[in-house]
Protein backbone atom coordinates (compact mmCIF):
# COMPACT_ATOMS: atom_id res chain seq x y z
CA MET A 1 -0.22 0.09 0.26
CA THR A 2 1.21 3.47 -0.85
CA GLU A 3 2.52 5.50 2.34
CA PHE A 4 1.42 9.32 2.31
CA LYS A 5 4.21 11.30 3.62
CA GLY A 6 6.45 13.93 2.94
CA CYS A 7 5.26 17.04 0.99
CA GLY A 8 1.94 16.93 -0.56
CA THR A 9 0.27 19.74 -2.36
CA ALA A 10 -3.42 20.48 -1.84
CA LEU A 11 -3.80 22.24 -5.65
CA PHE A 12 -5.47 25.19 -6.61
CA THR A 13 -8.22 24.77 -9.52
CA PRO A 14 -7.32 27.36 -12.12
CA PHE A 15 -10.16 28.95 -13.82
CA LYS A 16 -10.48 31.19 -17.32
CA GLU A 17 -13.47 32.70 -18.02
CA GLY A 18 -15.74 30.88 -15.68
CA LYS A 19 -14.41 27.59 -16.64
CA ILE A 20 -11.61 25.33 -15.37
CA ASP A 21 -8.45 26.47 -16.99
CA LEU A 22 -6.84 22.68 -17.97
CA GLU A 23 -4.12 23.99 -19.77
CA ALA A 24 -2.88 26.14 -16.60
CA MET A 25 -3.88 22.89 -14.22
CA ALA A 26 -1.56 20.50 -16.31
CA ALA A 27 1.42 23.26 -16.05
CA CYS A 28 0.97 23.43 -12.65
CA VAL A 29 0.62 20.07 -11.87
CA ARG A 30 3.95 19.24 -13.81
CA ARG A 31 5.78 22.01 -11.99
CA GLN A 32 4.91 20.15 -8.58
CA VAL A 33 6.42 16.92 -10.02
CA GLU A 34 9.20 18.57 -11.63
CA PHE A 35 10.34 20.18 -8.20
CA GLY A 36 10.11 16.76 -6.09
CA ILE A 37 6.61 16.98 -4.23
CA ASP A 38 5.76 13.72 -3.09
CA PHE A 39 1.82 13.44 -3.92
CA LEU A 40 -1.01 15.41 -5.16
CA VAL A 41 -4.11 16.65 -3.25
CA PRO A 42 -6.70 17.92 -5.68
CA LEU A 43 -10.36 18.74 -4.83
CA GLY A 44 -9.74 19.92 -1.25
CA THR A 45 -10.66 23.25 0.45
CA THR A 46 -7.96 24.97 -1.71
CA GLY A 47 -9.25 23.87 -5.02
CA GLU A 48 -12.60 25.63 -4.26
CA THR A 49 -14.44 21.88 -4.60
CA PRO A 50 -17.75 23.34 -3.29
CA THR A 51 -18.14 25.07 -6.13
CA LEU A 52 -17.53 22.51 -8.85
CA SER A 53 -19.83 20.38 -10.26
CA ASP A 54 -19.30 16.47 -10.64
CA ALA A 55 -18.10 16.87 -14.54
CA GLU A 56 -15.35 19.66 -13.22
CA LYS A 57 -14.37 17.43 -10.42
CA LEU A 58 -13.61 14.54 -13.13
CA GLU A 59 -11.94 17.25 -15.41
CA VAL A 60 -9.76 18.23 -12.55
CA TYR A 61 -9.06 14.53 -11.14
CA ARG A 62 -8.06 13.58 -14.88
CA CYS A 63 -5.84 16.60 -15.38
CA THR A 64 -4.08 15.73 -12.20
CA ARG A 65 -3.58 11.91 -12.90
CA GLU A 66 -2.47 12.59 -16.47
CA ASN A 67 0.22 15.04 -15.56
CA ALA A 68 1.02 13.36 -12.27
CA GLY A 69 4.16 11.68 -13.47
CA GLY A 70 3.09 8.69 -11.44
CA LEU A 71 2.71 10.26 -7.95
CA PRO A 72 -0.12 9.43 -5.60
CA VAL A 73 -2.93 11.22 -6.22
CA VAL A 74 -5.46 11.79 -3.18
CA VAL A 75 -8.69 13.17 -3.98
CA GLY A 76 -10.95 15.18 -1.57
CA VAL A 77 -14.46 13.67 -1.37
CA GLY A 78 -15.78 14.63 1.97
CA THR A 79 -18.89 16.20 2.24
CA ASN A 80 -21.58 16.54 5.51
CA SER A 81 -23.38 13.52 4.36
CA VAL A 82 -22.71 9.91 4.06
CA SER A 83 -24.43 9.78 0.66
CA GLY A 84 -22.93 12.88 -0.60
CA THR A 85 -19.51 11.56 0.25
CA LEU A 86 -19.97 8.29 -1.39
CA ALA A 87 -21.27 9.67 -4.40
CA ASN A 88 -17.89 11.52 -4.68
CA ILE A 89 -15.92 8.41 -3.78
CA ARG A 90 -18.05 6.74 -6.87
CA LEU A 91 -17.22 9.56 -9.01
CA LEU A 92 -13.67 9.43 -8.40
CA GLU A 93 -13.06 5.89 -7.81
CA ASP A 94 -9.88 5.50 -9.69
CA ALA A 95 -7.89 7.78 -7.01
CA ASP A 96 -4.92 6.22 -4.89
CA ALA A 97 -6.66 7.37 -1.70
CA PHE A 98 -9.66 9.62 -0.38
CA LEU A 99 -9.39 12.63 1.85
CA VAL A 100 -12.56 12.88 4.09
CA VAL A 101 -13.08 15.98 6.00
CA VAL A 102 -14.81 15.84 9.61
CA PRO A 103 -18.34 16.52 8.38
CA TYR A 104 -18.92 20.37 8.60
CA TYR A 105 -22.02 22.32 9.83
CA ASN A 106 -23.67 19.44 11.42
CA LYS A 107 -21.34 19.43 14.44
CA PRO A 108 -21.44 15.80 15.39
CA PRO A 109 -20.45 14.39 18.58
CA GLN A 110 -17.48 12.03 18.83
CA ARG A 111 -19.37 8.78 18.47
CA GLY A 112 -21.23 10.25 15.36
CA ILE A 113 -17.64 11.06 13.88
CA TYR A 114 -16.42 7.92 14.56
CA GLU A 115 -19.62 5.88 12.91
CA TYR A 116 -19.50 8.29 9.90
CA PHE A 117 -16.07 7.59 9.09
CA ARG A 118 -16.21 3.86 9.79
CA THR A 119 -19.14 3.78 7.47
CA ILE A 120 -17.36 5.60 4.62
CA ALA A 121 -14.21 3.51 4.89
CA GLY A 122 -16.39 0.39 4.77
CA GLU A 123 -17.67 1.03 1.16
CA THR A 124 -14.27 1.30 -0.28
CA ASP A 125 -10.95 -0.60 -0.35
CA LYS A 126 -9.05 2.63 -1.03
CA PRO A 127 -6.99 4.38 1.55
CA VAL A 128 -8.83 6.95 3.53
CA ILE A 129 -7.30 9.85 5.12
CA LEU A 130 -9.20 11.90 8.07
CA TYR A 131 -8.96 15.54 7.45
CA ASN A 132 -9.64 17.46 10.98
CA VAL A 133 -10.10 21.59 10.19
CA PRO A 134 -12.58 22.60 12.77
CA GLY A 135 -11.58 26.26 11.85
CA ARG A 136 -13.83 25.37 8.62
CA THR A 137 -15.79 22.61 9.89
CA GLY A 138 -17.11 23.75 13.39
CA SER A 139 -16.24 20.40 14.65
CA ASN A 140 -12.90 18.76 15.87
CA ILE A 141 -12.16 14.93 15.82
CA GLU A 142 -10.48 14.43 19.36
CA ALA A 143 -7.26 12.10 19.57
CA GLU A 144 -8.99 9.40 21.31
CA THR A 145 -11.46 9.08 18.36
CA THR A 146 -8.55 9.44 15.54
CA ILE A 147 -6.72 6.54 17.51
CA ARG A 148 -9.80 4.50 17.70
CA LEU A 149 -10.39 4.76 13.83
CA ALA A 150 -6.91 4.10 13.23
CA GLU A 151 -6.74 0.99 15.23
CA GLU A 152 -10.32 -0.53 14.26
CA VAL A 153 -10.75 0.40 10.52
CA PRO A 154 -7.80 -1.10 8.48
CA ASN A 155 -8.21 1.31 5.45
CA ILE A 156 -8.10 4.48 7.41
CA VAL A 157 -4.24 5.12 6.99
CA ALA A 158 -3.51 8.77 7.99
CA ILE A 159 -4.82 12.25 9.26
CA LYS A 160 -4.40 15.54 7.92
CA GLU A 161 -4.50 17.60 10.96
CA ALA A 162 -5.19 21.27 10.71
CA SER A 163 -6.81 21.94 14.18
CA GLY A 164 -3.40 23.88 15.43
CA ARG A 165 -3.86 21.76 18.85
CA PHE A 166 -0.66 20.73 19.40
CA ASP A 167 -1.44 18.59 22.29
CA GLN A 168 -3.76 16.53 20.57
CA ILE A 169 -1.94 15.93 17.42
CA ASN A 170 0.98 14.88 19.69
CA ALA A 171 -1.45 12.26 21.35
CA VAL A 172 -2.25 10.95 18.09
CA ILE A 173 1.16 11.04 17.10
CA GLN A 174 2.30 8.98 20.27
CA GLY A 175 -0.91 6.68 20.63
CA ARG A 176 -1.17 5.61 16.92
CA PRO A 177 -0.83 1.99 15.63
CA GLU A 178 2.14 1.37 13.58
CA GLY A 179 1.88 2.41 9.94
CA PHE A 180 -0.76 5.36 10.72
CA LYS A 181 0.45 8.61 9.18
CA VAL A 182 -0.09 11.96 10.75
CA LEU A 183 0.31 14.95 8.22
CA SER A 184 0.34 18.89 9.08
CA GLY A 185 -2.54 20.69 7.35
CA ASN A 186 -0.82 24.07 8.49
CA ASP A 187 2.35 24.79 6.68
CA GLU A 188 3.46 26.82 9.62
CA ASP A 189 3.18 23.79 11.91
CA THR A 190 5.16 21.24 10.03
CA LEU A 191 8.50 21.68 11.48
CA GLY A 192 7.47 21.45 15.15
CA LEU A 193 4.99 18.47 14.22
CA MET A 194 7.55 16.68 12.00
CA ILE A 195 10.18 17.08 15.02
CA SER A 196 7.71 15.38 17.15
CA GLY A 197 7.35 12.24 14.78
CA ALA A 198 4.52 13.44 12.16
CA ASP A 199 5.14 12.35 8.43
CA GLY A 200 4.74 15.35 6.41
CA VAL A 201 2.35 18.07 5.30
CA VAL A 202 -0.42 18.64 2.88
CA SER A 203 0.84 22.24 1.95
CA VAL A 204 -0.86 25.10 0.60
CA ALA A 205 2.60 27.08 0.39
CA SER A 206 3.92 24.26 -2.07
CA ASN A 207 1.49 25.64 -4.81
CA VAL A 208 3.77 28.77 -4.85
CA ALA A 209 7.17 27.54 -4.12
CA PRO A 210 7.39 23.74 -4.59
CA ALA A 211 10.98 23.59 -4.58
CA LEU A 212 11.23 25.41 -1.46
CA MET A 213 8.49 23.28 0.42
CA SER A 214 10.05 19.88 -0.90
CA ASP A 215 13.71 20.67 0.44
CA PHE A 216 12.08 21.97 3.43
CA VAL A 217 10.30 18.84 4.16
CA HIS A 218 12.91 16.20 3.09
CA SER A 219 15.56 18.18 5.16
CA VAL A 220 13.27 17.34 8.19
CA GLN A 221 13.04 13.66 6.93
CA GLN A 222 16.72 13.38 6.54
CA GLY A 223 17.46 15.00 9.99
CA LEU A 224 19.13 18.10 8.62
CA PHE A 225 17.53 20.05 11.10
CA ASP A 226 19.37 23.20 10.96
CA ARG A 227 18.91 23.28 7.29
CA ALA A 228 15.24 22.79 7.92
CA ALA A 229 14.84 25.62 10.36
CA ASP A 230 16.53 27.82 7.98
CA LEU A 231 14.17 27.19 5.15
CA ASP A 232 11.17 27.37 7.70
CA LYS A 233 12.39 30.95 8.57
CA LYS A 234 12.72 31.34 4.88
CA LEU A 235 9.20 30.25 4.38
CA ALA A 236 7.39 31.94 7.22
CA PRO A 237 6.21 35.20 5.66
CA LEU A 238 4.72 33.11 2.79
CA PHE A 239 3.23 30.52 5.35
CA LYS A 240 1.57 33.76 7.11
CA ASN A 241 0.44 35.80 4.02
CA LEU A 242 -1.33 33.15 2.22
CA PHE A 243 -3.92 33.27 5.02
CA ILE A 244 -4.13 37.19 5.35
CA GLU A 245 -7.36 36.75 3.42
CA PRO A 246 -9.38 33.30 3.02
CA ASN A 247 -7.36 30.61 1.12
CA PRO A 248 -6.92 30.16 -1.63
CA ILE A 249 -7.41 34.12 -2.18
CA PRO A 250 -3.80 35.02 -1.46
CA GLY A 251 -2.33 31.97 -3.09
CA LYS A 252 -4.12 32.95 -6.28
CA ALA A 253 -3.12 36.26 -6.53
CA ALA A 254 0.61 34.95 -6.19
CA MET A 255 0.18 32.47 -8.72
CA ALA A 256 -1.23 35.34 -11.22
CA LEU A 257 1.83 37.27 -10.36
CA MET A 258 4.23 34.42 -11.48
CA GLU A 259 1.79 33.79 -14.57
CA LEU A 260 0.93 30.39 -13.79
CA MET A 261 -2.81 30.98 -13.73
CA GLU A 262 -5.31 33.72 -13.83
CA ASN A 263 -6.30 35.39 -10.84
CA SER A 264 -9.83 34.08 -11.11
CA LEU A 265 -11.97 32.48 -8.24
CA ARG A 266 -15.56 31.34 -7.58
CA LEU A 267 -18.09 33.33 -5.68
CA PRO A 268 -18.30 33.52 -2.64
CA LEU A 269 -14.55 34.06 -2.90
CA VAL A 270 -13.41 37.00 -4.53
CA LYS A 271 -9.80 38.28 -5.87
CA ALA A 272 -7.47 39.56 -3.02
CA THR A 273 -7.17 43.27 -2.33
CA ALA A 274 -4.80 45.60 -3.91
CA GLU A 275 -3.16 45.73 -0.35
CA THR A 276 -2.84 41.59 -0.57
CA GLU A 277 -1.44 41.76 -3.80
CA ASN A 278 1.01 44.11 -3.04
CA ILE A 279 2.12 42.07 0.20
CA MET A 280 2.37 38.81 -2.04
CA LYS A 281 4.28 40.43 -4.71
CA GLU A 282 6.92 41.44 -1.85
CA THR A 283 6.66 38.10 -0.43
CA LEU A 284 7.58 36.48 -3.78
CA LYS A 285 10.56 39.06 -4.39
CA ASN A 286 11.72 38.13 -1.24
CA LEU A 287 11.99 34.77 -2.07
CA GLN A 288 13.52 35.48 -5.35
CA MET A 289 10.65 33.82 -7.34
CA LEU A 290 9.81 37.47 -8.99
């Protein structure tokens, strides 16, 4: 079974004239491969997936797969209902693994979260990666629930943890069964979590700076902690500034500045303010990317 570790990229979805820009998408995926990213994650929050039709989800997935150079492709399929999530799994059944977010808006108790994930994983033989992002979903998956799922459901193989709750994440790292992977869901948390035993990151910043992010994460994996700390410090302004407006607004502004895609988003998201665009321009210049 594929192990999901190292640096994965939560891919942006490029738009042009209201439609998916498959040419830009293909070029961006190939750029990820070229600069050493370990796996690709289309159709997540960063990809504006709630605004995509089923046909568009297939377009994004197929474009990613065709240009991935053999890298594993993990697709976001989570919704806030079992039927909706399973419909996405059926739609995208060829993926290497499924990233399933804790159900949003419903605010389920821990026993509901457990039963939801157990049910979803029981309907596929593919690996399932839990995704905990309480700042967006309104619900947190506690360490005990994560560990129980990891122990009791064989194809639940990893968690993307974006809670920012280091005590909780470290409890998962310490209590997980052998082989279960813990991935940072926040770029700025990656160094601390990987030193504590986490296995990598699902990154937003690697859309913009794949070479630097790949070098950073691989340096930690290789025990080159001084180099990793230097790269973390260098990347810290990018980590921060990608979230001065809701993701992926600043990131798409940066990608447009580098002429990698149009600065186009779907409502309810809108283009970055002029102030944000200027901040992203300075950030890229400081990284010698402009």
